[in-house]
Amino acid sequence: MSHINYLRVQGVVRVLLLIQVLVRDIWVFEKSLFHTGA
């Protein structure tokens, strides 16, 4: 039972890290977009 919970937590952590990377990429992209526009 604990093994299933461990896999579940691992999956959630992986998703959170993926979201963090995506948000950072979008933020950097918008920042560079605004800098080129100005």
C-alpha atoms as a PDB file:
ATOM      1  CA  MET A   1       0.000   0.000   0.000  1.00  0.00           C
ATOM      2  CA  SER A   2       2.829   2.378   0.850  1.00  0.00           C
ATOM      3  CA  HIS A   3       4.447   1.609  -2.509  1.00  0.00           C
ATOM      4  CA  ILE A   4       1.333   2.818  -4.350  1.00  0.00           C
ATOM      5  CA  ASN A   5       1.261   5.976  -2.239  1.00  0.00           C
ATOM      6  CA  TYR A   6       4.950   6.561  -3.001  1.00  0.00           C
ATOM      7  CA  LEU A   7       4.316   6.267  -6.740  1.00  0.00           C
ATOM      8  CA  ARG A   8       1.339   8.611  -6.442  1.00  0.00           C
ATOM      9  CA  VAL A   9       3.399  11.230  -4.589  1.00  0.00           C
ATOM     10  CA  GLN A  10       6.218  10.841  -7.117  1.00  0.00           C
ATOM     11  CA  GLY A  11       3.757  11.470  -9.952  1.00  0.00           C
ATOM     12  CA  VAL A  12       2.357  14.585  -8.262  1.00  0.00           C
ATOM     13  CA  VAL A  13       5.860  15.963  -7.682  1.00  0.00           C
ATOM     14  CA  ARG A  14       6.745  15.326 -11.319  1.00  0.00           C
ATOM     15  CA  VAL A  15       3.618  17.171 -12.492  1.00  0.00           C
ATOM     16  CA  LEU A  16       4.362  20.111 -10.176  1.00  0.00           C
ATOM     17  CA  LEU A  17       7.929  20.351 -11.483  1.00  0.00           C
ATOM     18  CA  LEU A  18       6.654  20.220 -15.067  1.00  0.00           C
ATOM     19  CA  ILE A  19       4.157  23.030 -14.375  1.00  0.00           C
ATOM     20  CA  GLN A  20       6.921  25.089 -12.734  1.00  0.00           C
ATOM     21  CA  VAL A  21       9.163  24.694 -15.798  1.00  0.00           C
ATOM     22  CA  LEU A  22       6.308  25.548 -18.179  1.00  0.00           C
ATOM     23  CA  VAL A  23       5.383  28.680 -16.200  1.00  0.00           C
ATOM     24  CA  ARG A  24       9.033  29.789 -16.163  1.00  0.00           C
ATOM     25  CA  ASP A  25       9.353  29.250 -19.934  1.00  0.00           C
ATOM     26  CA  ILE A  26       6.150  31.211 -20.600  1.00  0.00           C
ATOM     27  CA  TRP A  27       7.311  34.020 -18.290  1.00  0.00           C
ATOM     28  CA  VAL A  28      10.715  34.245 -20.020  1.00  0.00           C
ATOM     29  CA  PHE A  29       9.027  34.171 -23.436  1.00  0.00           C
ATOM     30  CA  GLU A  30       6.635  37.014 -22.528  1.00  0.00           C
ATOM     31  CA  LYS A  31       9.496  38.998 -20.988  1.00  0.00           C
ATOM     32  CA  SER A  32      11.613  38.689 -24.147  1.00  0.00           C
ATOM     33  CA  LEU A  33       8.531  39.518 -26.234  1.00  0.00           C
ATOM     34  CA  PHE A  34       7.938  42.740 -24.287  1.00  0.00           C
ATOM     35  CA  HIS A  35      11.619  43.691 -24.503  1.00  0.00           C
ATOM     36  CA  THR A  36      11.668  43.301 -28.293  1.00  0.00           C
ATOM     37  CA  GLY A  37       8.372  45.213 -28.579  1.00  0.00           C
ATOM     38  CA  ALA A  38       9.760  48.139 -26.562  1.00  0.00           C
END
